[in-house]
Amino acid sequence: MSTDRLFGTDGVRGIANVDLTPDFAMELGLAAGELVRGSVVTIGRDTRRSGPMLASAVKAGLQSLGTDTIDLGVLPTGGISHLTRMSSADFGVVISASHNPAPDNGIKFIGRDGSKLADSMEDAIEERLRKGPPWSRATGEGIGTDFPMDDALQQYVAYLTDQSAYTFRGISVVLDCANGAAYRAAPMLFERLHAEVTAFGVDPDGTNINAGCGATNPSFLASKTKGRLGLAFDGDADRLVAVDEDGIPANGDVVMAVIARHMKEQGKLKGDRVVATVMSNLGFRKAMDRLGIELIETRVGDRYVLEGMREHNAILGGEQSGHIIFTETARTGDGLLTGIRLLEVLAGTGRELRELRKETITEYPQVMRNVTVAAKDRLSDARSVWGAVEAAEERLGGDGRVLVRASGTEPMVRVMVEARTRDQALAIVEELSSIIRTELGG
């Protein structure tokens, strides 16, 4: 087993049956079960072919230690989070690699409150996993068993339906469910809320999740909307990317800006503040400033967004990628709930997304580059790099932004530049990338 940290910002991921084998999944279940022996754990998954295999292995590890499992079946991460919280389980397990291709899969844990498990708990599970046998096996009546929750989907959709302040009668919406976890839940939800629904990506076969569709491929949905609003989800449906009536994608920055503006105008944005990551577009920052909304900035990762929201008592936060969290009703990103909140703005104002986005936010062209290097750990002391960053920021003035950071998991330095024009941003990225390669090897 590698000595690198096992858990990333969104659980353990890898190629199913290569990095994530049934043996590994069972041992991970054993390690987690050692911490909560004799309790109850929920487990749900997306539509990948490897999902049942890995879910069964995790269950086997948990049950062999005396932990009962509640099988939620195929369900969005938001649903697993909600039902973990409602069922008083000690924690939940999500078998999904989110937006990754079908051969990949992942295992992530969520706490009893429905939020992602704290870093300290993940570290404790990893430490126990590395220690290995002997395990505290149960016998006889002490062995755990599995309890399918046959109405998990219905419970989740009913919960979301109750969250909407409106019905969406007269709103035509096109859904892209990515052949993933939302393939049944999303159409059921928006039809129950009386929207006119057309749905794509609702025929999962275990191998077509995220394949040319979903939140990471909004051009597919843009080709299908034909003047209607589009909502695209990723594989586990914890993120949402919208497509406006002109067929232009609206990422998390745009969606959150439109929702934040409406909430503030309605007097519902607690403290008039939102939380976003360092990757949010400069246009989002300027929009929040113009609207009189305080912006709290965190590191990349929706778990860090949630930490920032708790620390600053904010009720709205999210990422450019489409993870948006509404802490008054949820503890993790939920693309279906985000879709409800966006449609509430349209229903409440009687206006279209293409109008609202133009009034609310002007996005700056953003260019990103991953620069492979030999010594990423030397970045903080690379004076020539930081001198070039400072010079670039001076040239941009208040009309651009530069972000340079080392990857936490790969031998790379990530460079992001925003500017008034894409050509200007690209030129600066090329300049900085060259200096980084020279200074750090690459």
Protein backbone atom coordinates (compact mmCIF):
# COMPACT_ATOMS: atom_id res chain seq x y z
CA MET A 1 0.00 0.00 0.00
CA SER A 2 1.34 3.48 -0.87
CA THR A 3 2.52 5.72 1.95
CA ASP A 4 0.66 8.67 0.37
CA ARG A 5 -2.54 9.77 2.13
CA LEU A 6 -5.26 7.37 1.08
CA PHE A 7 -8.17 9.79 1.20
CA GLY A 8 -8.43 12.70 -1.21
CA THR A 9 -10.89 15.58 -0.96
CA ASP A 10 -13.68 13.22 -2.07
CA GLY A 11 -12.84 9.82 -0.59
CA VAL A 12 -10.73 7.00 -2.04
CA ARG A 13 -10.75 6.71 -5.82
CA GLY A 14 -9.14 4.52 -8.45
CA ILE A 15 -9.78 2.00 -11.20
CA ALA A 16 -12.21 -0.65 -10.02
CA ASN A 17 -10.57 -4.09 -9.68
CA VAL A 18 -7.12 -2.50 -10.09
CA ASP A 19 -6.79 0.14 -7.38
CA LEU A 20 -10.12 -0.62 -5.73
CA THR A 21 -10.34 -4.40 -5.48
CA PRO A 22 -12.98 -6.28 -3.45
CA ASP A 23 -10.22 -7.28 -1.00
CA PHE A 24 -9.26 -3.65 -0.48
CA ALA A 25 -12.91 -2.55 -0.16
CA MET A 26 -13.58 -5.25 2.45
CA GLU A 27 -10.50 -4.23 4.46
CA LEU A 28 -11.61 -0.59 4.29
CA GLY A 29 -14.99 -1.71 5.62
CA LEU A 30 -13.22 -3.62 8.39
CA ALA A 31 -11.14 -0.59 9.33
CA ALA A 32 -14.20 1.67 9.44
CA GLY A 33 -16.23 -0.95 11.30
CA GLU A 34 -13.61 -1.20 14.03
CA LEU A 35 -14.45 2.39 14.95
CA VAL A 36 -18.24 1.86 15.12
CA ARG A 37 -18.62 -1.80 16.13
CA GLY A 38 -22.19 -2.95 16.67
CA SER A 39 -23.76 0.14 15.04
CA VAL A 40 -25.63 0.84 11.81
CA VAL A 41 -24.21 2.17 8.52
CA THR A 42 -26.07 3.24 5.37
CA ILE A 43 -24.59 2.45 1.97
CA GLY A 44 -25.59 3.67 -1.48
CA ARG A 45 -24.04 3.87 -4.93
CA ASP A 46 -24.22 5.19 -8.45
CA THR A 47 -24.81 3.11 -11.60
CA ARG A 48 -21.29 1.81 -12.34
CA ARG A 49 -20.98 -1.87 -13.14
CA SER A 50 -18.45 -2.23 -10.32
CA GLY A 51 -20.78 -0.66 -7.75
CA PRO A 52 -22.56 -3.78 -6.48
CA MET A 53 -19.22 -5.63 -6.24
CA LEU A 54 -17.56 -2.93 -4.13
CA ALA A 55 -20.68 -2.28 -2.05
CA SER A 56 -20.92 -5.99 -1.21
CA ALA A 57 -17.26 -6.05 -0.19
CA VAL A 58 -17.59 -3.01 2.08
CA LYS A 59 -20.72 -4.53 3.61
CA ALA A 60 -18.89 -7.80 4.23
CA GLY A 61 -16.16 -6.01 6.13
CA LEU A 62 -18.63 -4.05 8.23
CA GLN A 63 -20.93 -6.97 8.94
CA SER A 64 -18.09 -9.28 9.97
CA LEU A 65 -17.42 -6.88 12.84
CA GLY A 66 -21.05 -6.79 13.97
CA THR A 67 -22.16 -3.68 12.08
CA ASP A 68 -25.57 -3.75 10.40
CA THR A 69 -25.88 -2.10 7.00
CA ILE A 70 -28.84 -0.36 5.38
CA ASP A 71 -28.71 -0.73 1.59
CA LEU A 72 -30.08 2.40 -0.12
CA GLY A 73 -29.42 1.10 -3.64
CA VAL A 74 -28.73 3.53 -6.49
CA LEU A 75 -29.22 7.02 -5.08
CA PRO A 76 -27.64 10.48 -5.46
CA THR A 77 -25.08 11.45 -2.82
CA GLY A 78 -27.56 14.05 -1.53
CA GLY A 79 -30.07 11.28 -0.88
CA ILE A 80 -27.53 9.10 0.91
CA SER A 81 -26.56 12.10 3.05
CA HIS A 82 -30.19 12.89 3.89
CA LEU A 83 -31.17 9.30 4.75
CA THR A 84 -28.03 8.78 6.83
CA ARG A 85 -29.05 11.77 8.91
CA MET A 86 -32.70 10.74 9.13
CA SER A 87 -32.02 7.08 9.95
CA SER A 88 -29.71 7.88 12.89
CA ALA A 89 -26.96 5.76 11.33
CA ASP A 90 -23.47 6.20 12.72
CA PHE A 91 -22.15 7.03 9.27
CA GLY A 92 -22.80 6.41 5.59
CA VAL A 93 -20.83 5.01 2.66
CA VAL A 94 -21.08 6.28 -0.92
CA ILE A 95 -19.75 4.02 -3.69
CA SER A 96 -19.14 6.44 -6.55
CA ALA A 97 -16.41 8.16 -8.52
CA SER A 98 -18.66 11.15 -9.19
CA HIS A 99 -17.75 12.70 -12.57
CA ASN A 100 -14.99 10.17 -13.39
CA PRO A 101 -15.38 7.67 -16.28
CA ALA A 102 -17.09 4.32 -15.79
CA PRO A 103 -13.97 2.15 -15.15
CA ASP A 104 -13.20 4.24 -12.06
CA ASN A 105 -14.98 4.00 -8.76
CA GLY A 106 -14.64 5.41 -5.27
CA ILE A 107 -15.51 4.93 -1.63
CA LYS A 108 -16.29 7.91 0.58
CA PHE A 109 -17.67 8.13 4.07
CA ILE A 110 -20.18 10.62 5.41
CA GLY A 111 -20.83 11.39 9.07
CA ARG A 112 -24.03 10.83 11.01
CA ASP A 113 -24.99 14.47 10.34
CA GLY A 114 -24.88 13.86 6.57
CA SER A 115 -21.66 15.80 5.89
CA LYS A 116 -18.43 14.30 4.63
CA LEU A 117 -16.48 12.55 7.35
CA ALA A 118 -13.93 14.80 9.05
CA ASP A 119 -10.28 14.51 8.01
CA SER A 120 -9.43 13.25 11.50
CA MET A 121 -11.88 10.34 11.19
CA GLU A 122 -10.58 9.47 7.73
CA ASP A 123 -7.06 9.49 9.13
CA ALA A 124 -8.15 7.15 11.94
CA ILE A 125 -9.70 4.73 9.42
CA GLU A 126 -6.56 4.85 7.28
CA GLU A 127 -4.31 4.24 10.29
CA ARG A 128 -6.34 1.17 11.25
CA LEU A 129 -6.30 -0.08 7.65
CA ARG A 130 -2.52 0.17 7.46
CA LYS A 131 -2.17 -1.66 10.76
CA GLY A 132 -4.10 -4.61 9.32
CA PRO A 133 -5.08 -7.86 11.10
CA PRO A 134 -6.08 -9.10 13.53
CA TRP A 135 -9.63 -7.76 13.26
CA SER A 136 -12.21 -7.93 16.03
CA ARG A 137 -14.50 -10.38 14.27
CA ALA A 138 -18.01 -11.06 15.53
CA THR A 139 -19.54 -14.55 15.67
CA GLY A 140 -22.99 -16.08 15.84
CA GLU A 141 -25.74 -13.59 16.55
CA GLY A 142 -23.16 -10.83 16.79
CA ILE A 143 -22.52 -10.81 13.03
CA GLY A 144 -24.12 -7.86 11.28
CA THR A 145 -26.72 -8.20 8.55
CA ASP A 146 -28.10 -6.14 5.67
CA PHE A 147 -31.46 -4.36 5.58
CA PRO A 148 -32.54 -3.06 2.16
CA MET A 149 -34.43 0.24 2.30
CA ASP A 150 -36.78 -0.40 -0.59
CA ASP A 151 -38.37 3.06 -0.47
CA ALA A 152 -35.12 5.06 -0.26
CA LEU A 153 -35.70 6.77 -3.61
CA GLN A 154 -39.29 7.69 -2.71
CA GLN A 155 -38.23 9.06 0.68
CA TYR A 156 -35.52 11.21 -0.91
CA VAL A 157 -37.78 12.61 -3.64
CA ALA A 158 -40.54 13.35 -1.10
CA TYR A 159 -38.03 15.23 1.06
CA LEU A 160 -36.86 17.33 -1.90
CA THR A 161 -40.43 18.01 -3.04
CA ASP A 162 -41.19 19.46 0.38
CA GLN A 163 -38.22 21.83 0.07
CA SER A 164 -39.69 23.75 -2.86
CA ALA A 165 -41.55 26.98 -2.21
CA TYR A 166 -43.24 26.74 -5.63
CA THR A 167 -44.56 24.32 -8.16
CA PHE A 168 -42.91 24.79 -11.54
CA ARG A 169 -45.98 24.59 -13.73
CA GLY A 170 -45.28 26.30 -17.06
CA ILE A 171 -41.47 25.92 -16.80
CA SER A 172 -39.97 23.60 -19.41
CA VAL A 173 -36.76 21.94 -18.26
CA VAL A 174 -34.41 19.52 -20.00
CA LEU A 175 -32.47 17.17 -17.71
CA ASP A 176 -29.17 15.39 -18.36
CA CYS A 177 -28.86 12.71 -15.69
CA ALA A 178 -25.46 11.47 -16.96
CA ASN A 179 -26.70 7.85 -16.90
CA GLY A 180 -25.84 8.12 -13.23
CA ALA A 181 -27.40 8.17 -9.79
CA ALA A 182 -30.04 10.77 -10.71
CA TYR A 183 -31.50 8.82 -13.63
CA ARG A 184 -34.73 8.06 -11.76
CA ALA A 185 -34.71 10.67 -8.99
CA ALA A 186 -34.39 13.82 -11.12
CA PRO A 187 -37.23 13.16 -13.60
CA MET A 188 -39.47 11.96 -10.76
CA LEU A 189 -38.75 15.08 -8.71
CA PHE A 190 -39.31 17.73 -11.37
CA GLU A 191 -42.39 15.98 -12.74
CA ARG A 192 -43.80 15.88 -9.21
CA LEU A 193 -43.18 19.65 -9.05
CA HIS A 194 -45.21 19.99 -12.29
CA ALA A 195 -42.40 21.15 -14.58
CA GLU A 196 -42.53 20.09 -18.23
CA VAL A 197 -39.69 17.55 -18.23
CA THR A 198 -37.57 16.11 -21.04
CA ALA A 199 -34.84 13.80 -19.77
CA PHE A 200 -31.63 12.42 -21.28
CA GLY A 201 -28.98 10.19 -19.75
CA VAL A 202 -31.61 7.96 -18.11
CA ASP A 203 -30.55 4.60 -19.59
CA PRO A 204 -27.58 3.44 -17.50
CA ASP A 205 -25.96 0.17 -18.51
CA GLY A 206 -23.12 0.20 -16.01
CA THR A 207 -20.56 1.46 -18.52
CA ASN A 208 -22.04 4.70 -19.92
CA ILE A 209 -22.06 6.90 -16.81
CA ASN A 210 -20.70 10.40 -17.69
CA ALA A 211 -19.95 9.18 -21.23
CA GLY A 212 -20.23 12.32 -23.37
CA CYS A 213 -22.93 13.71 -21.12
CA GLY A 214 -23.55 15.14 -17.66
CA ALA A 215 -22.22 18.14 -15.79
CA THR A 216 -18.69 17.75 -17.17
CA ASN A 217 -19.99 17.68 -20.76
CA PRO A 218 -22.65 20.43 -20.85
CA SER A 219 -22.30 20.80 -24.63
CA PHE A 220 -24.41 17.65 -24.99
CA LEU A 221 -27.28 19.20 -23.04
CA ALA A 222 -26.82 22.52 -24.86
CA SER A 223 -27.51 20.69 -28.12
CA LYS A 224 -30.84 19.44 -26.75
CA THR A 225 -32.38 22.41 -24.92
CA LYS A 226 -33.77 24.35 -27.93
CA GLY A 227 -34.65 27.49 -26.01
CA ARG A 228 -35.45 25.73 -22.74
CA LEU A 229 -33.62 25.63 -19.42
CA GLY A 230 -31.23 22.71 -18.97
CA LEU A 231 -29.98 21.03 -15.79
CA ALA A 232 -26.99 18.68 -16.02
CA PHE A 233 -25.91 16.44 -13.14
CA ASP A 234 -22.73 14.46 -12.65
CA GLY A 235 -22.47 10.73 -11.90
CA ASP A 236 -23.47 10.94 -8.24
CA ALA A 237 -25.59 14.09 -8.76
CA ASP A 238 -23.90 16.16 -6.07
CA ARG A 239 -23.14 18.90 -8.57
CA LEU A 240 -25.19 20.84 -11.11
CA VAL A 241 -24.27 22.79 -14.23
CA ALA A 242 -27.18 24.63 -15.87
CA VAL A 243 -27.66 25.56 -19.52
CA ASP A 244 -29.54 28.79 -20.18
CA GLU A 245 -32.19 29.36 -22.82
CA ASP A 246 -29.54 30.46 -25.33
CA GLY A 247 -27.71 27.14 -24.90
CA ILE A 248 -24.86 28.68 -22.87
CA PRO A 249 -23.61 26.65 -19.88
CA ALA A 250 -23.88 28.27 -16.44
CA ASN A 251 -21.38 26.81 -13.98
CA GLY A 252 -21.52 26.90 -10.19
CA ASP A 253 -20.33 30.52 -10.03
CA VAL A 254 -23.19 31.68 -12.26
CA VAL A 255 -25.84 29.56 -10.57
CA MET A 256 -24.74 30.58 -7.08
CA ALA A 257 -24.57 34.27 -8.04
CA VAL A 258 -28.13 34.22 -9.39
CA ILE A 259 -29.43 32.40 -6.31
CA ALA A 260 -27.47 34.59 -3.88
CA ARG A 261 -28.82 37.76 -5.49
CA HIS A 262 -32.40 36.51 -5.24
CA MET A 263 -31.98 35.39 -1.64
CA LYS A 264 -30.55 38.77 -0.65
CA GLU A 265 -33.39 40.62 -2.37
CA GLN A 266 -35.86 38.40 -0.51
CA GLY A 267 -34.09 39.04 2.82
CA LYS A 268 -33.25 35.34 3.12
CA LEU A 269 -29.45 35.40 2.77
CA LYS A 270 -28.34 35.10 6.38
CA GLY A 271 -25.64 37.65 7.20
CA ASP A 272 -25.54 38.66 3.51
CA ARG A 273 -22.55 36.36 3.01
CA VAL A 274 -21.58 33.40 0.82
CA VAL A 275 -18.64 31.00 0.88
CA ALA A 276 -16.67 30.01 -2.22
CA THR A 277 -13.23 28.59 -3.03
CA VAL A 278 -10.10 30.26 -4.37
CA MET A 279 -11.07 28.93 -7.83
CA SER A 280 -14.24 31.02 -8.11
CA ASN A 281 -14.13 33.41 -11.04
CA LEU A 282 -13.13 37.05 -10.56
CA GLY A 283 -16.49 37.93 -12.08
CA PHE A 284 -18.19 36.16 -9.19
CA ARG A 285 -16.12 38.13 -6.71
CA LYS A 286 -16.98 41.42 -8.39
CA ALA A 287 -20.68 40.46 -8.55
CA MET A 288 -20.79 39.74 -4.82
CA ASP A 289 -19.05 43.02 -4.06
CA ARG A 290 -21.48 44.96 -6.25
CA LEU A 291 -24.45 43.27 -4.57
CA GLY A 292 -23.16 44.03 -1.09
CA ILE A 293 -22.62 40.35 -0.27
CA GLU A 294 -19.60 39.37 1.80
CA LEU A 295 -17.47 36.62 0.20
CA ILE A 296 -15.64 34.14 2.42
CA GLU A 297 -12.88 32.23 0.58
CA THR A 298 -11.70 28.67 1.28
CA ARG A 299 -9.36 26.11 -0.26
CA VAL A 300 -10.65 23.87 -3.05
CA GLY A 301 -13.07 21.12 -1.99
CA ASP A 302 -16.70 21.17 -0.93
CA ARG A 303 -15.77 19.82 2.51
CA TYR A 304 -13.76 23.01 3.06
CA VAL A 305 -16.65 25.10 1.80
CA LEU A 306 -18.86 23.49 4.44
CA GLU A 307 -16.23 24.14 7.13
CA GLY A 308 -16.14 27.80 6.10
CA MET A 309 -19.93 28.01 6.16
CA ARG A 310 -20.05 26.62 9.67
CA GLU A 311 -17.28 28.90 10.87
CA HIS A 312 -18.89 32.03 9.45
CA ASN A 313 -22.53 31.03 10.00
CA ALA A 314 -23.33 31.17 6.29
CA ILE A 315 -26.23 29.30 4.67
CA LEU A 316 -25.03 29.39 1.04
CA GLY A 317 -21.70 28.25 -0.34
CA GLY A 318 -20.25 26.33 -3.24
CA GLU A 319 -17.73 25.71 -5.95
CA GLN A 320 -17.33 26.69 -9.57
CA SER A 321 -17.68 23.00 -10.47
CA GLY A 322 -21.33 23.06 -9.37
CA HIS A 323 -21.13 21.74 -5.81
CA ILE A 324 -23.48 24.12 -3.97
CA ILE A 325 -24.52 23.66 -0.35
CA PHE A 326 -27.63 25.02 1.37
CA THR A 327 -27.01 24.33 5.06
CA GLU A 328 -30.56 25.11 6.14
CA THR A 329 -31.69 21.90 4.43
CA ALA A 330 -28.59 19.83 3.51
CA ARG A 331 -25.06 18.96 4.62
CA THR A 332 -23.47 18.24 1.28
CA GLY A 333 -23.68 19.30 -2.34
CA ASP A 334 -26.94 18.15 -3.92
CA GLY A 335 -27.48 18.90 -7.59
CA LEU A 336 -31.22 18.19 -7.42
CA LEU A 337 -31.70 20.59 -4.52
CA THR A 338 -29.64 23.19 -6.38
CA GLY A 339 -31.90 22.71 -9.38
CA ILE A 340 -34.94 23.39 -7.19
CA ARG A 341 -33.39 26.57 -5.79
CA LEU A 342 -32.55 27.80 -9.30
CA LEU A 343 -36.05 27.12 -10.61
CA GLU A 344 -37.47 28.90 -7.57
CA VAL A 345 -35.69 32.06 -8.76
CA LEU A 346 -37.21 31.69 -12.23
CA ALA A 347 -40.67 30.96 -10.81
CA GLY A 348 -40.45 33.79 -8.27
CA THR A 349 -39.28 36.42 -10.75
CA GLY A 350 -41.08 35.18 -13.86
CA ARG A 351 -37.81 35.61 -15.77
CA GLU A 352 -35.40 33.38 -17.66
CA LEU A 353 -31.89 32.39 -16.64
CA ARG A 354 -30.32 34.09 -19.66
CA GLU A 355 -31.69 37.45 -18.46
CA LEU A 356 -30.79 36.95 -14.82
CA ARG A 357 -27.20 35.89 -15.47
CA LYS A 358 -26.51 38.92 -17.68
CA GLU A 359 -27.73 41.25 -14.95
CA THR A 360 -25.90 39.45 -12.16
CA ILE A 361 -22.44 38.32 -13.28
CA THR A 362 -19.89 38.97 -16.01
CA GLU A 363 -17.46 36.06 -16.12
CA TYR A 364 -13.80 36.64 -16.86
CA PRO A 365 -12.02 34.29 -19.29
CA GLN A 366 -10.17 31.69 -17.21
CA VAL A 367 -7.24 29.58 -18.42
CA MET A 368 -5.84 26.73 -16.34
CA ARG A 369 -2.73 24.61 -16.84
CA ASN A 370 -1.33 21.65 -14.92
CA VAL A 371 2.47 21.81 -15.12
CA THR A 372 4.25 18.52 -14.40
CA VAL A 373 7.38 19.19 -12.33
CA ALA A 374 10.17 17.27 -10.61
CA ALA A 375 10.11 19.16 -7.30
CA LYS A 376 6.73 20.66 -6.46
CA ASP A 377 7.80 21.00 -2.80
CA ARG A 378 10.23 23.76 -3.82
CA LEU A 379 7.43 25.98 -5.12
CA SER A 380 7.08 28.07 -1.95
CA ASP A 381 10.77 29.08 -2.16
CA ALA A 382 10.89 29.64 -5.93
CA ARG A 383 11.55 33.38 -6.01
CA SER A 384 11.59 33.65 -9.80
CA VAL A 385 8.11 32.09 -9.95
CA TRP A 386 6.60 34.41 -7.35
CA GLY A 387 8.34 37.40 -8.90
CA ALA A 388 6.73 36.55 -12.24
CA VAL A 389 3.34 36.09 -10.54
CA GLU A 390 3.64 39.53 -8.91
CA ALA A 391 4.61 41.14 -12.22
CA ALA A 392 1.67 39.50 -14.00
CA GLU A 393 -0.75 40.69 -11.32
CA GLU A 394 0.56 44.23 -11.67
CA ARG A 395 -0.07 44.11 -15.43
CA LEU A 396 -3.60 42.84 -14.89
CA GLY A 397 -4.41 45.39 -12.21
CA GLY A 398 -7.95 44.93 -10.95
CA ASP A 399 -9.02 43.24 -14.17
CA GLY A 400 -7.48 39.86 -13.63
CA ARG A 401 -6.15 37.33 -11.16
CA VAL A 402 -3.33 34.77 -10.91
CA LEU A 403 -3.40 31.62 -8.78
CA VAL A 404 -0.43 29.24 -8.56
CA ARG A 405 -0.51 26.24 -6.22
CA ALA A 406 1.07 22.82 -5.87
CA SER A 407 -1.18 19.80 -6.34
CA GLY A 408 -1.86 17.90 -3.15
CA THR A 409 -1.77 14.49 -4.83
CA GLU A 410 0.23 14.71 -8.08
CA PRO A 411 3.69 15.99 -9.15
CA MET A 412 2.15 19.11 -10.62
CA VAL A 413 1.84 22.84 -10.12
CA ARG A 414 -1.56 24.23 -11.07
CA VAL A 415 -1.65 27.62 -12.78
CA MET A 416 -4.86 29.61 -13.21
CA VAL A 417 -5.10 33.05 -14.80
CA GLU A 418 -8.16 35.25 -15.33
CA ALA A 419 -8.02 38.33 -17.55
CA ARG A 420 -10.21 40.56 -19.69
CA THR A 421 -9.43 38.46 -22.76
CA ARG A 422 -8.61 34.79 -23.19
CA ASP A 423 -5.51 35.64 -25.26
CA GLN A 424 -4.12 37.74 -22.42
CA ALA A 425 -4.80 34.99 -19.87
CA LEU A 426 -3.26 32.34 -22.13
CA ALA A 427 -0.09 34.40 -22.67
CA ILE A 428 0.44 34.75 -18.92
CA VAL A 429 -0.20 31.03 -18.33
CA GLU A 430 2.40 30.15 -20.98
CA GLU A 431 4.92 32.54 -19.43
CA LEU A 432 4.43 31.23 -15.88
CA SER A 433 4.44 27.59 -16.99
CA SER A 434 7.80 28.06 -18.66
CA ILE A 435 9.31 29.68 -15.57
CA ILE A 436 7.90 26.93 -13.30
CA ARG A 437 9.40 24.18 -15.49
CA THR A 438 12.78 25.91 -15.50
CA GLU A 439 12.76 26.49 -11.74
CA LEU A 440 11.26 23.16 -10.56
CA GLY A 441 12.23 20.82 -13.38
CA GLY A 442 9.76 19.45 -15.90
